[in-house]
Amino acid sequence: MAKIKLITAREILDSRGIPTLEARITLDSGETTTAGAPSGESLGRFEGTELRDRADARFGGMGVLQSARYITELIGPKLVGVDIVRQKDIDTWLSKSDSSNDKSKIGVNTIMTVSQLVLKGGALAKKKPLYKYFNDLYNESFEKKISFTRIPSPVINMINGGKHGTKNLEFQEFHIIPSTSYSFSKSLELGVNLYQAVKKVLEYRNAGISVSEEGGFTPNLLTNSDALEVMRETIASQKMNLGVDVFFGLDCAPSYYYSKGKYTVKDKPQPLSTDEYIAFLTDLIEKYTILFLEDPLDEEDYGSWKKMNDLIGNKSYLVGDDFVAGNKDRLAKAIHEKACNAVLVKFNQVPTITEMLENVNLIKEAGFKTVFSHRLGETVDSIIADLAVGIQADFVKFGAPVRGERVIKYNRLLEIEKELQI
């Protein structure tokens, strides 16, 4: 089997104009491939820590030259001559190379970039599409027999608020989710049509059609309910049925509007207690057929998460993102306490592909839904699409169906759908 000949890294810019890593691997067969590191804006407190050049004035201290040097000068040379398909062994060594709990010495971005690179190199050496190689890796690691039966359903961003928007809306993301009975290509077509139709509705309302860094519109609306009304009006204008053809989703990200035990949203005249806020959310779920509710509550309030799951878990997906943040202990606790019924998986929560797979296996074993997600700061690497298909994730979140770094991931799923003819 092919062995590693050379690994190098360099600093590039992500979709926000913030530095990130790109690494390249060359095998002794002469084959080569690259991997780009995405990065988040709303980082969970329990995620791994990225290494940034904080003491350097370049890019406001957000450079990654030190990280690139670690890969090129320290990590890469030690992996020369290693069999490229030894993913688990290499990942174990990578993870142990940083003894800190949050991987802050070398950086979760540094380690995960190399781990991604090894995965891609393995697929190259085996002459398999990345999704098939990843599927083999998962099945062999956990003695499973997951076959390819579907392309994950898209959760498509329409409107942004909170930290991702103009801050007039508290909720961070407003999604449409086509019926899972549709093929991926049909779902994407529906999502694109609705995105363009939302634009027309916003123009008609003179609400503004500026877009966020992940492509969702950031309109001048007064309340979160106003945004949902825009989307409902759009659905009706396209002769679609809400709750049949398409469903709504929310990423609440309450760290933006939760303080001192109260949730403050413009939909209500006074700050809400947790029970009042849960009642508000359950009313929205009933009124707007919300299928996907991500991070609605403070991430330390396990009791309220469990209460929310008891209330809506039989009709909606209560999705843990920052609530779990890839942390295995938090994931185990969420599963044990039945505090949610779906979990978001994305890069740099954990430091390696192997640890990502271990979390995916725990999620699947629990019977929870698996959602593979982009980050706010993205690259034109489409690896997340392959991984989602490889483990047969239930949903993918790639942002709005615009902007090259998002569209390349949707296009990759279209390509895989055609290859697999499913």
Protein backbone atom coordinates (compact mmCIF):
# COMPACT_ATOMS: atom_id res chain seq x y z
CA MET A 1 0.00 0.00 0.00
CA ALA A 2 1.08 3.57 -0.68
CA LYS A 3 3.08 5.39 1.95
CA ILE A 4 3.29 9.04 2.89
CA LYS A 5 6.11 10.87 1.11
CA LEU A 6 5.49 14.51 2.02
CA ILE A 7 3.02 16.67 3.95
CA THR A 8 3.07 20.47 3.76
CA ALA A 9 0.70 23.22 4.83
CA ARG A 10 0.07 26.85 4.08
CA GLU A 11 -2.14 29.71 5.22
CA ILE A 12 -5.14 30.53 3.02
CA LEU A 13 -8.30 32.60 3.54
CA ASP A 14 -11.68 31.12 4.41
CA SER A 15 -15.03 32.40 3.14
CA ARG A 16 -15.01 35.22 5.71
CA GLY A 17 -11.57 36.48 4.72
CA ILE A 18 -10.06 35.00 7.88
CA PRO A 19 -6.93 32.83 7.66
CA THR A 20 -7.22 29.07 7.80
CA LEU A 21 -5.13 26.05 6.84
CA GLU A 22 -4.72 24.17 3.62
CA ALA A 23 -2.49 21.11 3.66
CA ARG A 24 -1.18 18.89 0.89
CA ILE A 25 -0.10 15.25 1.02
CA THR A 26 2.03 13.44 -1.54
CA LEU A 27 2.19 9.64 -1.59
CA ASP A 28 5.16 7.59 -2.73
CA SER A 29 3.03 6.64 -5.74
CA GLY A 30 3.21 10.29 -6.82
CA GLU A 31 -0.48 10.91 -6.13
CA THR A 32 -1.38 14.07 -4.25
CA THR A 33 -4.43 15.72 -2.67
CA THR A 34 -5.28 18.66 -0.42
CA ALA A 35 -7.52 19.42 2.57
CA GLY A 36 -8.87 22.76 3.77
CA ALA A 37 -9.81 23.53 7.36
CA PRO A 38 -13.19 25.19 8.04
CA SER A 39 -13.66 27.32 11.14
CA GLY A 40 -16.62 28.42 13.22
CA GLU A 41 -17.80 31.78 14.49
CA SER A 42 -20.17 30.53 17.19
CA LEU A 43 -17.73 28.16 18.87
CA GLY A 44 -19.10 25.88 21.56
CA ARG A 45 -17.36 26.15 24.92
CA PHE A 46 -16.68 22.42 24.85
CA GLU A 47 -15.14 22.21 21.38
CA GLY A 48 -11.45 21.83 20.73
CA THR A 49 -9.43 25.05 20.56
CA GLU A 50 -7.89 26.34 17.35
CA LEU A 51 -4.30 27.51 17.26
CA ARG A 52 -4.04 31.12 16.11
CA ASP A 53 -1.07 33.50 15.91
CA ARG A 54 -2.47 35.68 18.69
CA ALA A 55 0.77 37.56 19.35
CA ASP A 56 1.11 38.50 15.69
CA ALA A 57 -0.61 41.66 14.43
CA ARG A 58 -1.24 40.08 11.05
CA PHE A 59 -4.96 39.55 10.39
CA GLY A 60 -5.77 40.81 13.86
CA GLY A 61 -3.99 37.88 15.50
CA MET A 62 -6.02 35.31 13.52
CA GLY A 63 -3.17 34.02 11.36
CA VAL A 64 -2.28 30.31 11.26
CA LEU A 65 1.40 30.43 10.27
CA GLN A 66 2.45 28.64 13.46
CA SER A 67 -0.07 25.90 12.77
CA ALA A 68 1.17 25.56 9.19
CA ARG A 69 4.76 25.29 10.47
CA TYR A 70 3.75 22.57 12.93
CA ILE A 71 2.34 20.53 10.05
CA THR A 72 5.19 21.14 7.61
CA GLU A 73 8.14 20.97 10.01
CA LEU A 74 7.04 18.75 12.90
CA ILE A 75 4.08 16.51 12.06
CA GLY A 76 4.74 15.88 8.38
CA PRO A 77 8.32 14.62 8.68
CA LYS A 78 7.33 12.15 11.42
CA LEU A 79 4.68 10.61 9.14
CA VAL A 80 6.96 10.07 6.15
CA GLY A 81 7.03 6.37 5.27
CA VAL A 82 3.85 5.54 7.20
CA ASP A 83 1.20 3.47 5.42
CA ILE A 84 -1.52 5.90 4.35
CA VAL A 85 -4.43 3.60 5.28
CA ARG A 86 -3.46 3.47 8.98
CA GLN A 87 -6.06 6.13 9.79
CA LYS A 88 -6.77 5.05 13.36
CA ASP A 89 -3.09 4.64 14.28
CA ILE A 90 -2.17 8.01 12.80
CA ASP A 91 -5.14 9.70 14.48
CA THR A 92 -4.23 8.20 17.84
CA TRP A 93 -0.68 9.49 17.48
CA LEU A 94 -1.93 12.93 16.38
CA SER A 95 -4.29 13.22 19.32
CA LYS A 96 -1.64 12.12 21.82
CA SER A 97 0.82 14.65 20.41
CA ASP A 98 -1.19 17.36 22.21
CA SER A 99 -1.73 16.44 25.86
CA SER A 100 -4.07 19.35 26.63
CA ASN A 101 -7.76 18.52 27.02
CA ASP A 102 -8.83 21.11 24.44
CA LYS A 103 -5.89 20.50 22.05
CA SER A 104 -4.85 24.13 22.44
CA LYS A 105 -1.08 23.48 22.31
CA ILE A 106 -0.99 22.28 18.73
CA GLY A 107 -4.55 23.26 17.86
CA VAL A 108 -7.59 21.23 16.91
CA ASN A 109 -7.40 22.87 13.47
CA THR A 110 -3.83 21.64 13.02
CA ILE A 111 -4.61 18.08 14.03
CA MET A 112 -7.91 17.75 12.14
CA THR A 113 -6.42 19.12 8.94
CA VAL A 114 -3.80 16.36 8.95
CA SER A 115 -6.43 13.77 9.86
CA GLN A 116 -8.60 14.89 6.92
CA LEU A 117 -5.56 14.75 4.67
CA VAL A 118 -4.78 11.16 5.68
CA LEU A 119 -8.40 10.16 5.01
CA LYS A 120 -8.29 11.68 1.54
CA GLY A 121 -4.91 10.09 0.87
CA GLY A 122 -6.27 6.69 1.88
CA ALA A 123 -9.17 7.01 -0.56
CA LEU A 124 -6.71 8.04 -3.27
CA ALA A 125 -4.46 5.04 -2.60
CA LYS A 126 -7.42 2.64 -2.56
CA LYS A 127 -8.75 4.26 -5.74
CA LYS A 128 -12.17 4.71 -4.19
CA PRO A 129 -14.49 7.72 -4.03
CA LEU A 130 -14.06 9.37 -0.65
CA TYR A 131 -17.60 8.54 0.49
CA LYS A 132 -17.06 4.83 -0.22
CA TYR A 133 -13.71 4.79 1.55
CA PHE A 134 -15.23 6.55 4.57
CA ASN A 135 -18.12 4.08 4.55
CA ASP A 136 -15.66 1.17 4.54
CA LEU A 137 -13.72 2.75 7.40
CA TYR A 138 -16.86 3.15 9.50
CA ASN A 139 -18.17 -0.34 8.78
CA GLU A 140 -14.82 -1.98 9.53
CA SER A 141 -14.22 0.06 12.68
CA PHE A 142 -17.58 -0.73 14.26
CA GLU A 143 -18.53 -3.99 12.51
CA LYS A 144 -21.48 -2.39 10.74
CA LYS A 145 -23.01 -2.96 7.33
CA ILE A 146 -24.28 0.47 6.37
CA SER A 147 -25.11 0.51 2.67
CA PHE A 148 -25.97 3.44 0.42
CA THR A 149 -29.73 3.90 0.27
CA ARG A 150 -30.15 7.67 0.20
CA ILE A 151 -28.50 11.07 0.01
CA PRO A 152 -29.01 13.05 3.26
CA SER A 153 -31.85 15.58 3.24
CA PRO A 154 -30.77 19.24 3.14
CA VAL A 155 -31.56 21.75 5.90
CA ILE A 156 -31.39 24.93 3.83
CA ASN A 157 -30.70 28.34 5.32
CA MET A 158 -33.10 31.09 4.23
CA ILE A 159 -32.82 33.91 6.79
CA ASN A 160 -30.17 34.79 9.38
CA GLY A 161 -30.33 36.69 12.65
CA GLY A 162 -28.37 36.73 15.89
CA LYS A 163 -24.59 36.69 15.52
CA HIS A 164 -24.91 35.61 11.89
CA GLY A 165 -27.28 38.39 10.87
CA THR A 166 -27.92 42.07 11.46
CA LYS A 167 -28.89 41.35 15.08
CA ASN A 168 -32.49 42.59 14.76
CA LEU A 169 -33.67 38.96 14.98
CA GLU A 170 -32.62 36.85 17.96
CA PHE A 171 -32.70 33.42 16.31
CA GLN A 172 -29.56 32.69 14.34
CA GLU A 173 -30.90 30.66 11.41
CA PHE A 174 -34.29 30.09 9.78
CA HIS A 175 -34.39 26.98 7.56
CA ILE A 176 -36.61 25.21 5.11
CA ILE A 177 -36.46 21.41 5.03
CA PRO A 178 -38.00 19.66 2.02
CA SER A 179 -39.91 16.46 2.73
CA THR A 180 -37.55 13.53 3.21
CA SER A 181 -39.67 11.62 0.69
CA TYR A 182 -38.06 13.68 -2.08
CA SER A 183 -34.79 12.79 -3.77
CA PHE A 184 -31.87 15.02 -2.94
CA SER A 185 -31.90 16.65 -6.38
CA LYS A 186 -35.63 17.39 -6.06
CA SER A 187 -35.10 18.76 -2.55
CA LEU A 188 -32.31 21.04 -3.71
CA GLU A 189 -34.39 22.30 -6.63
CA LEU A 190 -37.23 23.06 -4.23
CA GLY A 191 -34.84 24.80 -1.84
CA VAL A 192 -33.32 26.98 -4.58
CA ASN A 193 -36.77 27.98 -5.85
CA LEU A 194 -37.87 28.92 -2.32
CA TYR A 195 -34.67 30.89 -1.70
CA GLN A 196 -35.32 32.98 -4.80
CA ALA A 197 -38.98 33.35 -3.85
CA VAL A 198 -38.04 34.54 -0.31
CA LYS A 199 -35.93 37.22 -1.97
CA LYS A 200 -38.96 38.44 -3.92
CA VAL A 201 -41.16 38.51 -0.83
CA LEU A 202 -38.54 40.52 1.06
CA GLU A 203 -38.19 42.92 -1.86
CA TYR A 204 -41.98 43.37 -1.95
CA ARG A 205 -41.97 44.12 1.79
CA ASN A 206 -39.03 46.51 1.36
CA ALA A 207 -37.29 44.54 4.13
CA GLY A 208 -33.85 44.37 2.51
CA ILE A 209 -32.08 41.51 0.75
CA SER A 210 -28.55 41.71 2.11
CA VAL A 211 -27.06 38.30 2.85
CA SER A 212 -25.00 36.85 5.69
CA GLU A 213 -21.67 35.08 5.47
CA GLU A 214 -23.45 31.77 4.95
CA GLY A 215 -25.83 33.16 2.33
CA GLY A 216 -29.08 33.59 4.27
CA PHE A 217 -30.91 36.89 3.94
CA THR A 218 -30.57 39.41 6.77
CA PRO A 219 -33.77 41.44 6.41
CA ASN A 220 -35.01 44.36 8.46
CA LEU A 221 -37.79 42.54 10.33
CA LEU A 222 -39.05 43.21 13.83
CA THR A 223 -39.51 39.75 15.34
CA ASN A 224 -38.59 36.13 14.81
CA SER A 225 -42.24 35.42 14.02
CA ASP A 226 -42.02 37.98 11.20
CA ALA A 227 -39.26 35.91 9.60
CA LEU A 228 -41.36 32.75 9.88
CA GLU A 229 -44.31 34.61 8.34
CA VAL A 230 -42.16 35.65 5.38
CA MET A 231 -41.24 32.02 4.86
CA ARG A 232 -44.85 30.85 5.22
CA GLU A 233 -45.98 33.48 2.71
CA THR A 234 -43.26 32.23 0.36
CA ILE A 235 -44.42 28.63 0.68
CA ALA A 236 -47.99 29.66 -0.16
CA SER A 237 -46.84 31.71 -3.18
CA GLN A 238 -45.18 28.58 -4.60
CA LYS A 239 -48.36 26.50 -4.20
CA MET A 240 -46.64 24.23 -1.67
CA ASN A 241 -48.08 22.85 1.52
CA LEU A 242 -46.30 23.57 4.79
CA GLY A 243 -46.02 20.35 6.77
CA VAL A 244 -46.34 18.21 3.62
CA ASP A 245 -43.95 19.43 0.93
CA VAL A 246 -41.70 21.43 3.20
CA PHE A 247 -41.03 22.02 6.90
CA PHE A 248 -39.33 24.79 8.86
CA GLY A 249 -36.25 24.68 11.05
CA LEU A 250 -34.61 27.01 13.55
CA ASP A 251 -31.11 27.34 14.96
CA CYS A 252 -31.78 29.45 18.03
CA ALA A 253 -28.23 29.90 19.43
CA PRO A 254 -29.56 31.42 22.70
CA SER A 255 -26.19 32.58 24.02
CA TYR A 256 -27.01 35.75 22.05
CA TYR A 257 -30.21 36.50 23.98
CA TYR A 258 -30.02 34.46 27.21
CA SER A 259 -28.77 36.17 30.36
CA LYS A 260 -29.28 35.72 34.09
CA GLY A 261 -31.85 32.98 33.67
CA LYS A 262 -34.02 34.92 31.20
CA TYR A 263 -34.57 34.71 27.44
CA THR A 264 -35.16 38.08 25.77
CA VAL A 265 -36.87 38.00 22.37
CA LYS A 266 -38.65 40.84 20.61
CA ASP A 267 -41.67 38.61 20.08
CA LYS A 268 -42.53 39.13 23.75
CA PRO A 269 -42.71 42.41 25.73
CA GLN A 270 -40.83 41.06 28.76
CA PRO A 271 -37.88 38.69 29.26
CA LEU A 272 -39.11 35.11 29.57
CA SER A 273 -38.44 32.57 32.29
CA THR A 274 -37.32 29.18 31.03
CA ASP A 275 -40.83 27.72 31.32
CA GLU A 276 -42.33 30.73 29.54
CA TYR A 277 -39.72 30.49 26.82
CA ILE A 278 -40.36 26.76 26.32
CA ALA A 279 -44.06 27.53 25.99
CA PHE A 280 -43.23 30.20 23.39
CA LEU A 281 -41.13 27.72 21.39
CA THR A 282 -43.75 24.97 21.52
CA ASP A 283 -46.34 27.46 20.24
CA LEU A 284 -44.04 28.31 17.32
CA ILE A 285 -43.57 24.61 16.57
CA GLU A 286 -47.33 24.05 16.38
CA LYS A 287 -48.05 27.21 14.40
CA TYR A 288 -45.27 26.89 11.83
CA THR A 289 -44.69 23.11 11.60
CA ILE A 290 -41.11 23.34 12.82
CA LEU A 291 -39.39 20.02 12.27
CA PHE A 292 -35.83 20.96 13.24
CA LEU A 293 -35.05 22.89 16.44
CA GLU A 294 -31.33 23.37 17.06
CA ASP A 295 -29.81 24.59 20.33
CA PRO A 296 -32.97 26.26 21.68
CA LEU A 297 -31.86 26.34 25.32
CA ASP A 298 -28.87 27.23 27.47
CA GLU A 299 -26.32 24.47 27.01
CA GLU A 300 -25.98 23.78 30.76
CA ASP A 301 -29.71 23.43 31.45
CA TYR A 302 -30.03 19.66 30.98
CA GLY A 303 -33.33 19.56 32.83
CA SER A 304 -34.98 21.98 30.42
CA TRP A 305 -33.51 20.17 27.42
CA LYS A 306 -35.07 16.94 28.69
CA LYS A 307 -38.39 18.71 29.28
CA MET A 308 -38.30 20.13 25.76
CA ASN A 309 -37.51 16.73 24.28
CA ASP A 310 -40.39 15.16 26.20
CA LEU A 311 -42.71 17.84 24.79
CA ILE A 312 -41.68 17.81 21.13
CA GLY A 313 -39.53 14.70 20.57
CA ASN A 314 -42.34 12.70 18.99
CA LYS A 315 -42.90 15.26 16.21
CA SER A 316 -39.75 17.37 15.87
CA TYR A 317 -36.00 16.93 16.02
CA LEU A 318 -34.38 18.59 19.02
CA VAL A 319 -30.83 19.04 17.76
CA GLY A 320 -27.78 19.43 19.98
CA ASP A 321 -24.93 21.49 18.53
CA ASP A 322 -23.18 23.65 21.15
CA PHE A 323 -25.13 21.58 23.67
CA VAL A 324 -22.92 18.60 22.77
CA ALA A 325 -20.08 20.25 20.80
CA GLY A 326 -18.52 16.91 19.91
CA ASN A 327 -17.60 16.30 23.56
CA LYS A 328 -17.95 12.58 24.22
CA ASP A 329 -18.91 13.01 27.88
CA ARG A 330 -21.61 15.55 27.02
CA LEU A 331 -22.86 13.34 24.21
CA ALA A 332 -23.07 10.35 26.56
CA LYS A 333 -24.96 12.44 29.11
CA ALA A 334 -27.38 13.76 26.49
CA ILE A 335 -28.06 10.20 25.35
CA HIS A 336 -28.47 8.87 28.89
CA GLU A 337 -30.83 11.67 29.93
CA LYS A 338 -32.68 11.68 26.59
CA ALA A 339 -32.06 15.42 26.45
CA CYS A 340 -32.26 15.62 22.64
CA ASN A 341 -32.95 13.28 19.72
CA ALA A 342 -30.52 14.56 17.06
CA VAL A 343 -26.90 15.74 17.11
CA LEU A 344 -24.88 18.01 14.83
CA VAL A 345 -21.46 16.77 13.66
CA LYS A 346 -18.89 19.17 12.20
CA PHE A 347 -15.18 19.68 11.82
CA ASN A 348 -12.94 20.90 14.66
CA GLN A 349 -15.33 19.86 17.42
CA VAL A 350 -13.01 16.90 17.92
CA PRO A 351 -9.40 16.67 16.70
CA THR A 352 -9.50 13.61 14.41
CA ILE A 353 -11.62 11.71 11.91
CA THR A 354 -11.45 8.64 14.17
CA GLU A 355 -12.98 10.54 17.10
CA MET A 356 -15.63 11.96 14.77
CA LEU A 357 -16.51 8.40 13.76
CA GLU A 358 -16.68 7.30 17.39
CA ASN A 359 -19.18 10.08 18.10
CA VAL A 360 -21.22 9.19 15.00
CA ASN A 361 -21.38 5.60 16.18
CA LEU A 362 -22.65 6.68 19.61
CA ILE A 363 -25.29 8.88 17.98
CA LYS A 364 -26.47 6.09 15.70
CA GLU A 365 -26.44 3.48 18.46
CA ALA A 366 -28.70 5.74 20.53
CA GLY A 367 -31.19 5.96 17.67
CA PHE A 368 -30.64 9.72 17.34
CA LYS A 369 -30.63 11.52 14.00
CA THR A 370 -27.24 12.55 12.61
CA VAL A 371 -26.75 15.98 11.02
CA PHE A 372 -23.48 16.76 9.21
CA SER A 373 -22.81 20.48 9.13
CA HIS A 374 -20.59 23.11 7.54
CA ARG A 375 -18.93 25.89 9.56
CA LEU A 376 -19.43 29.62 9.14
CA GLY A 377 -15.87 30.04 7.84
CA GLU A 378 -15.73 27.57 4.95
CA THR A 379 -13.39 26.60 2.14
CA VAL A 380 -14.09 25.08 -1.26
CA ASP A 381 -13.30 21.63 0.12
CA SER A 382 -16.39 19.41 -0.27
CA ILE A 383 -15.23 16.62 2.06
CA ILE A 384 -18.18 17.09 4.44
CA ALA A 385 -20.56 16.00 1.66
CA ASP A 386 -18.68 12.73 1.16
CA LEU A 387 -18.57 12.05 4.89
CA ALA A 388 -22.31 12.63 5.24
CA VAL A 389 -23.07 10.11 2.50
CA GLY A 390 -20.44 7.70 3.77
CA ILE A 391 -22.10 7.24 7.16
CA GLN A 392 -25.60 7.81 5.75
CA ALA A 393 -26.34 10.89 7.82
CA ASP A 394 -29.99 11.85 8.06
CA PHE A 395 -29.51 15.54 7.25
CA VAL A 396 -26.87 17.98 6.00
CA LYS A 397 -26.55 21.69 6.81
CA PHE A 398 -24.52 23.54 4.20
CA GLY A 399 -26.04 27.02 4.44
CA ALA A 400 -27.99 28.81 1.72
CA PRO A 401 -27.86 27.47 -1.88
CA VAL A 402 -25.59 30.37 -2.90
CA ARG A 403 -21.90 31.32 -2.42
CA GLY A 404 -19.24 29.08 -3.92
CA GLU A 405 -18.04 27.53 -0.66
CA ARG A 406 -21.62 26.34 0.11
CA VAL A 407 -22.72 25.45 -3.42
CA ILE A 408 -19.68 23.20 -4.00
CA LYS A 409 -20.96 20.92 -1.23
CA TYR A 410 -24.48 20.76 -2.66
CA ASN A 411 -23.02 20.07 -6.10
CA ARG A 412 -20.90 17.26 -4.69
CA LEU A 413 -24.03 15.59 -3.31
CA LEU A 414 -25.67 15.92 -6.74
CA GLU A 415 -22.62 14.21 -8.22
CA ILE A 416 -22.73 11.37 -5.69
CA GLU A 417 -26.49 10.94 -6.19
CA LYS A 418 -25.89 10.45 -9.91
CA GLU A 419 -23.04 8.00 -9.31
CA LEU A 420 -25.08 5.88 -6.90
CA GLN A 421 -28.33 6.30 -8.84
CA ILE A 422 -30.38 6.73 -5.67
